[in-house]
Amino acid sequence: MISNLFQLIARRPPAGVEPGFVEDVHVSRQSPRDLRTERILLIGWVLILCKSFLVIWLVDKYHLTFNANWVIIPTVTAALLCTAVYFWRD
C-alpha cells in the first residue's frame, strides 16, 4: 500500500499486473428470490391501496380543500421505487 502511495505521489506509471492478480469477476446467476420479502411487498401494496381509498373517501366526506392525489401520488411513487429496486437488484 505504501509503494502505491509513493507511485501516486511520484506520478510513475504502475507496474504490470502480477500473474496471480484478479482483474475481473463476473457472476452469471441471479440471487434467489426471497418469498418473505415478496410477501411484505404484496402486503405493502394492499395497504397502500386501502390507504388510497380511505384518503379519497375522507377528502370527499369532509370537503377538504386539497386534492387527494397530493397524498396518493408520492406514496405510490415511493412504493414503485422500492418494488423496482427489489426486482431489478441484479
PDB file of N, CA and C in Angstrom:
ATOM      1  N   MET A   1       0.822  -1.170   0.000  1.00  0.00           N
ATOM      2  CA  MET A   1       0.000   0.000   0.000  1.00  0.00           C
ATOM      3  C   MET A   1       0.879   1.252   0.000  1.00  0.00           C
ATOM      4  N   ILE A   2       1.955   1.213   0.767  1.00  0.00           N
ATOM      5  CA  ILE A   2       2.861   2.365   0.809  1.00  0.00           C
ATOM      6  C   ILE A   2       3.518   2.564  -0.552  1.00  0.00           C
ATOM      7  N   SER A   3       3.884   1.465  -1.213  1.00  0.00           N
ATOM      8  CA  SER A   3       4.527   1.610  -2.519  1.00  0.00           C
ATOM      9  C   SER A   3       3.562   2.233  -3.529  1.00  0.00           C
ATOM     10  N   ASN A   4       2.269   1.894  -3.446  1.00  0.00           N
ATOM     11  CA  ASN A   4       1.285   2.522  -4.332  1.00  0.00           C
ATOM     12  C   ASN A   4       1.142   4.002  -4.032  1.00  0.00           C
ATOM     13  N   LEU A   5       1.244   4.379  -2.774  1.00  0.00           N
ATOM     14  CA  LEU A   5       1.189   5.786  -2.401  1.00  0.00           C
ATOM     15  C   LEU A   5       2.387   6.535  -2.982  1.00  0.00           C
ATOM     16  N   PHE A   6       3.569   5.909  -2.899  1.00  0.00           N
ATOM     17  CA  PHE A   6       4.761   6.547  -3.469  1.00  0.00           C
ATOM     18  C   PHE A   6       4.631   6.683  -4.984  1.00  0.00           C
ATOM     19  N   GLN A   7       4.061   5.671  -5.647  1.00  0.00           N
ATOM     20  CA  GLN A   7       3.845   5.761  -7.095  1.00  0.00           C
ATOM     21  C   GLN A   7       2.877   6.892  -7.425  1.00  0.00           C
ATOM     22  N   LEU A   8       1.856   7.054  -6.606  1.00  0.00           N
ATOM     23  CA  LEU A   8       0.877   8.113  -6.837  1.00  0.00           C
ATOM     24  C   LEU A   8       1.514   9.486  -6.656  1.00  0.00           C
ATOM     25  N   ILE A   9       2.329   9.622  -5.610  1.00  0.00           N
ATOM     26  CA  ILE A   9       2.980  10.909  -5.356  1.00  0.00           C
ATOM     27  C   ILE A   9       4.011  11.216  -6.433  1.00  0.00           C
ATOM     28  N   ALA A  10       4.805  10.208  -6.822  1.00  0.00           N
ATOM     29  CA  ALA A  10       5.851  10.413  -7.831  1.00  0.00           C
ATOM     30  C   ALA A  10       5.288  10.425  -9.246  1.00  0.00           C
ATOM     31  N   ARG A  11       4.033  10.079  -9.405  1.00  0.00           N
ATOM     32  CA  ARG A  11       3.362  10.026 -10.705  1.00  0.00           C
ATOM     33  C   ARG A  11       4.060   9.107 -11.691  1.00  0.00           C
ATOM     34  N   ARG A  12       4.544   8.005 -11.145  1.00  0.00           N
ATOM     35  CA  ARG A  12       5.133   6.981 -12.010  1.00  0.00           C
ATOM     36  C   ARG A  12       4.034   6.025 -12.446  1.00  0.00           C
ATOM     37  N   PRO A  13       4.109   5.509 -13.649  1.00  0.00           N
ATOM     38  CA  PRO A  13       3.100   4.541 -14.083  1.00  0.00           C
ATOM     39  C   PRO A  13       3.220   3.257 -13.256  1.00  0.00           C
ATOM     40  N   PRO A  14       2.105   2.619 -12.932  1.00  0.00           N
ATOM     41  CA  PRO A  14       2.169   1.391 -12.147  1.00  0.00           C
ATOM     42  C   PRO A  14       2.792   0.253 -12.939  1.00  0.00           C
ATOM     43  N   ALA A  15       3.362  -0.671 -12.205  1.00  0.00           N
ATOM     44  CA  ALA A  15       3.974  -1.839 -12.844  1.00  0.00           C
ATOM     45  C   ALA A  15       2.879  -2.703 -13.456  1.00  0.00           C
ATOM     46  N   GLY A  16       3.262  -3.641 -14.296  1.00  0.00           N
ATOM     47  CA  GLY A  16       2.291  -4.527 -14.940  1.00  0.00           C
ATOM     48  C   GLY A  16       1.532  -5.357 -13.915  1.00  0.00           C
ATOM     49  N   VAL A  17       0.476  -5.967 -14.364  1.00  0.00           N
ATOM     50  CA  VAL A  17      -0.358  -6.780 -13.489  1.00  0.00           C
ATOM     51  C   VAL A  17       0.370  -8.073 -13.162  1.00  0.00           C
ATOM     52  N   GLU A  18       0.361  -8.438 -11.902  1.00  0.00           N
ATOM     53  CA  GLU A  18       1.008  -9.679 -11.478  1.00  0.00           C
ATOM     54  C   GLU A  18       0.184 -10.862 -11.968  1.00  0.00           C
ATOM     55  N   PRO A  19       0.813 -12.021 -12.198  1.00  0.00           N
ATOM     56  CA  PRO A  19       0.071 -13.170 -12.732  1.00  0.00           C
ATOM     57  C   PRO A  19      -1.045 -13.655 -11.801  1.00  0.00           C
ATOM     58  N   GLY A  20      -0.890 -13.535 -10.501  1.00  0.00           N
ATOM     59  CA  GLY A  20      -1.905 -14.004  -9.579  1.00  0.00           C
ATOM     60  C   GLY A  20      -2.947 -12.959  -9.232  1.00  0.00           C
ATOM     61  N   PHE A  21      -2.875 -11.807  -9.845  1.00  0.00           N
ATOM     62  CA  PHE A  21      -3.779 -10.709  -9.518  1.00  0.00           C
ATOM     63  C   PHE A  21      -5.116 -10.903 -10.235  1.00  0.00           C
ATOM     64  N   VAL A  22      -6.217 -10.710  -9.541  1.00  0.00           N
ATOM     65  CA  VAL A  22      -7.554 -10.847 -10.123  1.00  0.00           C
ATOM     66  C   VAL A  22      -7.929  -9.518 -10.768  1.00  0.00           C
ATOM     67  N   GLU A  23      -8.158  -9.551 -12.055  1.00  0.00           N
ATOM     68  CA  GLU A  23      -8.533  -8.332 -12.774  1.00  0.00           C
ATOM     69  C   GLU A  23     -10.032  -8.127 -12.827  1.00  0.00           C
ATOM     70  N   ASP A  24     -10.794  -9.198 -12.959  1.00  0.00           N
ATOM     71  CA  ASP A  24     -12.218  -9.070 -13.194  1.00  0.00           C
ATOM     72  C   ASP A  24     -12.951 -10.252 -12.586  1.00  0.00           C
ATOM     73  N   VAL A  25     -14.168 -10.012 -12.106  1.00  0.00           N
ATOM     74  CA  VAL A  25     -15.018 -11.069 -11.571  1.00  0.00           C
ATOM     75  C   VAL A  25     -16.394 -10.919 -12.206  1.00  0.00           C
ATOM     76  N   HIS A  26     -16.921 -11.998 -12.750  1.00  0.00           N
ATOM     77  CA  HIS A  26     -18.251 -11.994 -13.355  1.00  0.00           C
ATOM     78  C   HIS A  26     -19.114 -13.026 -12.640  1.00  0.00           C
ATOM     79  N   VAL A  27     -20.321 -12.608 -12.254  1.00  0.00           N
ATOM     80  CA  VAL A  27     -21.284 -13.513 -11.648  1.00  0.00           C
ATOM     81  C   VAL A  27     -22.441 -13.637 -12.620  1.00  0.00           C
ATOM     82  N   SER A  28     -22.731 -14.847 -13.033  1.00  0.00           N
ATOM     83  CA  SER A  28     -23.732 -15.016 -14.081  1.00  0.00           C
ATOM     84  C   SER A  28     -25.111 -15.386 -13.557  1.00  0.00           C
ATOM     85  N   ARG A  29     -25.218 -15.932 -12.343  1.00  0.00           N
ATOM     86  CA  ARG A  29     -26.536 -16.339 -11.872  1.00  0.00           C
ATOM     87  C   ARG A  29     -27.144 -15.259 -10.988  1.00  0.00           C
ATOM     88  N   GLN A  30     -28.463 -15.177 -11.002  1.00  0.00           N
ATOM     89  CA  GLN A  30     -29.166 -14.201 -10.191  1.00  0.00           C
ATOM     90  C   GLN A  30     -29.303 -14.723  -8.766  1.00  0.00           C
ATOM     91  N   SER A  31     -29.434 -13.803  -7.838  1.00  0.00           N
ATOM     92  CA  SER A  31     -29.655 -14.218  -6.464  1.00  0.00           C
ATOM     93  C   SER A  31     -31.064 -14.790  -6.336  1.00  0.00           C
ATOM     94  N   PRO A  32     -31.255 -15.751  -5.440  1.00  0.00           N
ATOM     95  CA  PRO A  32     -32.583 -16.369  -5.323  1.00  0.00           C
ATOM     96  C   PRO A  32     -33.615 -15.384  -4.792  1.00  0.00           C
ATOM     97  N   ARG A  33     -34.857 -15.601  -5.181  1.00  0.00           N
ATOM     98  CA  ARG A  33     -35.946 -14.732  -4.746  1.00  0.00           C
ATOM     99  C   ARG A  33     -36.295 -15.056  -3.301  1.00  0.00           C
ATOM    100  N   ASP A  34     -36.566 -14.038  -2.529  1.00  0.00           N
ATOM    101  CA  ASP A  34     -36.922 -14.198  -1.127  1.00  0.00           C
ATOM    102  C   ASP A  34     -38.442 -14.063  -0.998  1.00  0.00           C
ATOM    103  N   LEU A  35     -39.105 -15.169  -0.678  1.00  0.00           N
ATOM    104  CA  LEU A  35     -40.565 -15.164  -0.611  1.00  0.00           C
ATOM    105  C   LEU A  35     -41.078 -14.279   0.521  1.00  0.00           C
ATOM    106  N   ARG A  36     -40.336 -14.193   1.617  1.00  0.00           N
ATOM    107  CA  ARG A  36     -40.762 -13.344   2.735  1.00  0.00           C
ATOM    108  C   ARG A  36     -40.774 -11.875   2.308  1.00  0.00           C
ATOM    109  N   THR A  37     -39.745 -11.456   1.603  1.00  0.00           N
ATOM    110  CA  THR A  37     -39.680 -10.072   1.140  1.00  0.00           C
ATOM    111  C   THR A  37     -40.783  -9.780   0.132  1.00  0.00           C
ATOM    112  N   GLU A  38     -41.040 -10.717  -0.763  1.00  0.00           N
ATOM    113  CA  GLU A  38     -42.102 -10.517  -1.745  1.00  0.00           C
ATOM    114  C   GLU A  38     -43.472 -10.468  -1.065  1.00  0.00           C
ATOM    115  N   ARG A  39     -43.663 -11.242  -0.013  1.00  0.00           N
ATOM    116  CA  ARG A  39     -44.916 -11.195   0.736  1.00  0.00           C
ATOM    117  C   ARG A  39     -45.080  -9.832   1.417  1.00  0.00           C
ATOM    118  N   ILE A  40     -43.982  -9.317   1.968  1.00  0.00           N
ATOM    119  CA  ILE A  40     -44.033  -7.989   2.600  1.00  0.00           C
ATOM    120  C   ILE A  40     -44.361  -6.915   1.566  1.00  0.00           C
ATOM    121  N   LEU A  41     -43.777  -7.022   0.375  1.00  0.00           N
ATOM    122  CA  LEU A  41     -44.096  -6.066  -0.692  1.00  0.00           C
ATOM    123  C   LEU A  41     -45.569  -6.148  -1.081  1.00  0.00           C
ATOM    124  N   LEU A  42     -46.102  -7.351  -1.184  1.00  0.00           N
ATOM    125  CA  LEU A  42     -47.508  -7.522  -1.534  1.00  0.00           C
ATOM    126  C   LEU A  42     -48.413  -6.931  -0.450  1.00  0.00           C
ATOM    127  N   ILE A  43     -48.099  -7.197   0.811  1.00  0.00           N
ATOM    128  CA  ILE A  43     -48.882  -6.629   1.917  1.00  0.00           C
ATOM    129  C   ILE A  43     -48.809  -5.103   1.883  1.00  0.00           C
ATOM    130  N   GLY A  44     -47.618  -4.570   1.599  1.00  0.00           N
ATOM    131  CA  GLY A  44     -47.468  -3.114   1.494  1.00  0.00           C
ATOM    132  C   GLY A  44     -48.323  -2.525   0.394  1.00  0.00           C
ATOM    133  N   TRP A  45     -48.389  -3.185  -0.767  1.00  0.00           N
ATOM    134  CA  TRP A  45     -49.217  -2.682  -1.859  1.00  0.00           C
ATOM    135  C   TRP A  45     -50.698  -2.735  -1.503  1.00  0.00           C
ATOM    136  N   VAL A  46     -51.112  -3.784  -0.797  1.00  0.00           N
ATOM    137  CA  VAL A  46     -52.519  -3.870  -0.370  1.00  0.00           C
ATOM    138  C   VAL A  46     -52.835  -2.740   0.606  1.00  0.00           C
ATOM    139  N   LEU A  47     -51.908  -2.468   1.540  1.00  0.00           N
ATOM    140  CA  LEU A  47     -52.119  -1.371   2.489  1.00  0.00           C
ATOM    141  C   LEU A  47     -52.162  -0.019   1.788  1.00  0.00           C
ATOM    142  N   ILE A  48     -51.317   0.162   0.774  1.00  0.00           N
ATOM    143  CA  ILE A  48     -51.328   1.413   0.005  1.00  0.00           C
ATOM    144  C   ILE A  48     -52.652   1.572  -0.735  1.00  0.00           C
ATOM    145  N   LEU A  49     -53.172   0.482  -1.282  1.00  0.00           N
ATOM    146  CA  LEU A  49     -54.465   0.536  -1.955  1.00  0.00           C
ATOM    147  C   LEU A  49     -55.568   0.923  -0.968  1.00  0.00           C
ATOM    148  N   CYS A  50     -55.566   0.310   0.221  1.00  0.00           N
ATOM    149  CA  CYS A  50     -56.565   0.661   1.245  1.00  0.00           C
ATOM    150  C   CYS A  50     -56.418   2.122   1.681  1.00  0.00           C
ATOM    151  N   LYS A  51     -55.170   2.571   1.842  1.00  0.00           N
ATOM    152  CA  LYS A  51     -54.931   3.960   2.243  1.00  0.00           C
ATOM    153  C   LYS A  51     -55.442   4.929   1.172  1.00  0.00           C
ATOM    154  N   SER A  52     -55.234   4.577  -0.082  1.00  0.00           N
ATOM    155  CA  SER A  52     -55.665   5.453  -1.168  1.00  0.00           C
ATOM    156  C   SER A  52     -57.178   5.616  -1.169  1.00  0.00           C
ATOM    157  N   PHE A  53     -57.899   4.497  -1.030  1.00  0.00           N
ATOM    158  CA  PHE A  53     -59.354   4.596  -0.977  1.00  0.00           C
ATOM    159  C   PHE A  53     -59.820   5.364   0.252  1.00  0.00           C
ATOM    160  N   LEU A  54     -59.148   5.172   1.375  1.00  0.00           N
ATOM    161  CA  LEU A  54     -59.502   5.893   2.595  1.00  0.00           C
ATOM    162  C   LEU A  54     -59.284   7.397   2.435  1.00  0.00           C
ATOM    163  N   VAL A  55     -58.164   7.782   1.821  1.00  0.00           N
ATOM    164  CA  VAL A  55     -57.874   9.206   1.620  1.00  0.00           C
ATOM    165  C   VAL A  55     -58.899   9.830   0.681  1.00  0.00           C
ATOM    166  N   ILE A  56     -59.233   9.126  -0.392  1.00  0.00           N
ATOM    167  CA  ILE A  56     -60.232   9.648  -1.331  1.00  0.00           C
ATOM    168  C   ILE A  56     -61.569   9.827  -0.615  1.00  0.00           C
ATOM    169  N   TRP A  57     -61.961   8.857   0.180  1.00  0.00           N
ATOM    170  CA  TRP A  57     -63.232   8.933   0.899  1.00  0.00           C
ATOM    171  C   TRP A  57     -63.237  10.073   1.921  1.00  0.00           C
ATOM    172  N   LEU A  58     -62.135  10.217   2.665  1.00  0.00           N
ATOM    173  CA  LEU A  58     -62.065  11.275   3.680  1.00  0.00           C
ATOM    174  C   LEU A  58     -62.082  12.673   3.065  1.00  0.00           C
ATOM    175  N   VAL A  59     -61.341  12.834   1.967  1.00  0.00           N
ATOM    176  CA  VAL A  59     -61.320  14.139   1.297  1.00  0.00           C
ATOM    177  C   VAL A  59     -62.711  14.480   0.776  1.00  0.00           C
ATOM    178  N   ASP A  60     -63.419  13.486   0.247  1.00  0.00           N
ATOM    179  CA  ASP A  60     -64.761  13.741  -0.269  1.00  0.00           C
ATOM    180  C   ASP A  60     -65.764  13.976   0.858  1.00  0.00           C
ATOM    181  N   LYS A  61     -65.694  13.191   1.915  1.00  0.00           N
ATOM    182  CA  LYS A  61     -66.664  13.289   3.008  1.00  0.00           C
ATOM    183  C   LYS A  61     -66.550  14.609   3.767  1.00  0.00           C
ATOM    184  N   TYR A  62     -65.324  15.023   4.059  1.00  0.00           N
ATOM    185  CA  TYR A  62     -65.128  16.227   4.869  1.00  0.00           C
ATOM    186  C   TYR A  62     -64.882  17.479   4.026  1.00  0.00           C
ATOM    187  N   HIS A  63     -65.042  17.367   2.729  1.00  0.00           N
ATOM    188  CA  HIS A  63     -64.912  18.500   1.806  1.00  0.00           C
ATOM    189  C   HIS A  63     -63.610  19.275   2.047  1.00  0.00           C
ATOM    190  N   LEU A  64     -62.504  18.531   2.055  1.00  0.00           N
ATOM    191  CA  LEU A  64     -61.201  19.157   2.277  1.00  0.00           C
ATOM    192  C   LEU A  64     -60.798  19.957   1.046  1.00  0.00           C
ATOM    193  N   THR A  65     -59.956  20.940   1.263  1.00  0.00           N
ATOM    194  CA  THR A  65     -59.640  21.887   0.189  1.00  0.00           C
ATOM    195  C   THR A  65     -58.434  21.476  -0.653  1.00  0.00           C
ATOM    196  N   PHE A  66     -57.979  20.268  -0.506  1.00  0.00           N
ATOM    197  CA  PHE A  66     -56.863  19.823  -1.348  1.00  0.00           C
ATOM    198  C   PHE A  66     -57.261  18.551  -2.086  1.00  0.00           C
ATOM    199  N   ASN A  67     -56.504  18.269  -3.119  1.00  0.00           N
ATOM    200  CA  ASN A  67     -56.756  17.104  -3.937  1.00  0.00           C
ATOM    201  C   ASN A  67     -56.136  15.872  -3.262  1.00  0.00           C
ATOM    202  N   ALA A  68     -56.818  14.755  -3.305  1.00  0.00           N
ATOM    203  CA  ALA A  68     -56.318  13.522  -2.689  1.00  0.00           C
ATOM    204  C   ALA A  68     -55.052  13.017  -3.364  1.00  0.00           C
ATOM    205  N   ASN A  69     -54.831  13.422  -4.602  1.00  0.00           N
ATOM    206  CA  ASN A  69     -53.623  12.980  -5.316  1.00  0.00           C
ATOM    207  C   ASN A  69     -52.338  13.506  -4.679  1.00  0.00           C
ATOM    208  N   TRP A  70     -52.433  14.589  -3.914  1.00  0.00           N
ATOM    209  CA  TRP A  70     -51.253  15.113  -3.229  1.00  0.00           C
ATOM    210  C   TRP A  70     -50.753  14.133  -2.170  1.00  0.00           C
ATOM    211  N   VAL A  71     -51.587  13.242  -1.718  1.00  0.00           N
ATOM    212  CA  VAL A  71     -51.198  12.223  -0.743  1.00  0.00           C
ATOM    213  C   VAL A  71     -50.902  10.902  -1.444  1.00  0.00           C
ATOM    214  N   ILE A  72     -51.710  10.568  -2.436  1.00  0.00           N
ATOM    215  CA  ILE A  72     -51.627   9.252  -3.066  1.00  0.00           C
ATOM    216  C   ILE A  72     -50.412   9.126  -3.982  1.00  0.00           C
ATOM    217  N   ILE A  73     -50.158  10.121  -4.815  1.00  0.00           N
ATOM    218  CA  ILE A  73     -49.089  10.010  -5.816  1.00  0.00           C
ATOM    219  C   ILE A  73     -47.702   9.847  -5.183  1.00  0.00           C
ATOM    220  N   PRO A  74     -47.301  10.607  -4.161  1.00  0.00           N
ATOM    221  CA  PRO A  74     -45.982  10.356  -3.565  1.00  0.00           C
ATOM    222  C   PRO A  74     -45.869   8.969  -2.924  1.00  0.00           C
ATOM    223  N   THR A  75     -46.971   8.492  -2.341  1.00  0.00           N
ATOM    224  CA  THR A  75     -46.950   7.165  -1.731  1.00  0.00           C
ATOM    225  C   THR A  75     -46.739   6.084  -2.782  1.00  0.00           C
ATOM    226  N   VAL A  76     -47.475   6.159  -3.858  1.00  0.00           N
ATOM    227  CA  VAL A  76     -47.356   5.161  -4.923  1.00  0.00           C
ATOM    228  C   VAL A  76     -45.996   5.255  -5.610  1.00  0.00           C
ATOM    229  N   THR A  77     -45.482   6.461  -5.783  1.00  0.00           N
ATOM    230  CA  THR A  77     -44.168   6.637  -6.399  1.00  0.00           C
ATOM    231  C   THR A  77     -43.061   6.008  -5.553  1.00  0.00           C
ATOM    232  N   ALA A  78     -43.101   6.241  -4.249  1.00  0.00           N
ATOM    233  CA  ALA A  78     -42.099   5.639  -3.361  1.00  0.00           C
ATOM    234  C   ALA A  78     -42.221   4.122  -3.352  1.00  0.00           C
ATOM    235  N   ALA A  79     -43.452   3.611  -3.368  1.00  0.00           N
ATOM    236  CA  ALA A  79     -43.644   2.160  -3.392  1.00  0.00           C
ATOM    237  C   ALA A  79     -43.157   1.552  -4.705  1.00  0.00           C
ATOM    238  N   LEU A  80     -43.404   2.244  -5.813  1.00  0.00           N
ATOM    239  CA  LEU A  80     -42.888   1.766  -7.104  1.00  0.00           C
ATOM    240  C   LEU A  80     -41.368   1.723  -7.116  1.00  0.00           C
ATOM    241  N   LEU A  81     -40.743   2.746  -6.539  1.00  0.00           N
ATOM    242  CA  LEU A  81     -39.287   2.774  -6.474  1.00  0.00           C
ATOM    243  C   LEU A  81     -38.754   1.604  -5.651  1.00  0.00           C
ATOM    244  N   CYS A  82     -39.346   1.357  -4.501  1.00  0.00           N
ATOM    245  CA  CYS A  82     -38.902   0.244  -3.652  1.00  0.00           C
ATOM    246  C   CYS A  82     -39.101  -1.097  -4.343  1.00  0.00           C
ATOM    247  N   THR A  83     -40.235  -1.262  -4.999  1.00  0.00           N
ATOM    248  CA  THR A  83     -40.508  -2.518  -5.701  1.00  0.00           C
ATOM    249  C   THR A  83     -39.545  -2.708  -6.870  1.00  0.00           C
ATOM    250  N   ALA A  84     -39.287  -1.648  -7.614  1.00  0.00           N
ATOM    251  CA  ALA A  84     -38.359  -1.741  -8.747  1.00  0.00           C
ATOM    252  C   ALA A  84     -36.951  -2.060  -8.280  1.00  0.00           C
ATOM    253  N   VAL A  85     -36.516  -1.457  -7.191  1.00  0.00           N
ATOM    254  CA  VAL A  85     -35.167  -1.748  -6.677  1.00  0.00           C
ATOM    255  C   VAL A  85     -35.067  -3.211  -6.274  1.00  0.00           C
ATOM    256  N   TYR A  86     -36.114  -3.756  -5.669  1.00  0.00           N
ATOM    257  CA  TYR A  86     -36.057  -5.159  -5.270  1.00  0.00           C
ATOM    258  C   TYR A  86     -36.008  -6.079  -6.480  1.00  0.00           C
ATOM    259  N   PHE A  87     -36.870  -5.861  -7.470  1.00  0.00           N
ATOM    260  CA  PHE A  87     -36.933  -6.784  -8.602  1.00  0.00           C
ATOM    261  C   PHE A  87     -35.794  -6.597  -9.605  1.00  0.00           C
ATOM    262  N   TRP A  88     -35.186  -5.428  -9.687  1.00  0.00           N
ATOM    263  CA  TRP A  88     -34.074  -5.187 -10.607  1.00  0.00           C
ATOM    264  C   TRP A  88     -32.749  -5.101  -9.881  1.00  0.00           C
ATOM    265  N   ARG A  89     -32.605  -5.805  -8.749  1.00  0.00           N
ATOM    266  CA  ARG A  89     -31.409  -5.686  -7.919  1.00  0.00           C
ATOM    267  C   ARG A  89     -30.187  -6.336  -8.548  1.00  0.00           C
ATOM    268  N   ASP A  90     -30.354  -7.219  -9.492  1.00  0.00           N
ATOM    269  CA  ASP A  90     -29.186  -7.896 -10.090  1.00  0.00           C
ATOM    270  C   ASP A  90     -28.815  -7.274 -11.405  1.00  0.00           C
TER     271      ASP A  90
END
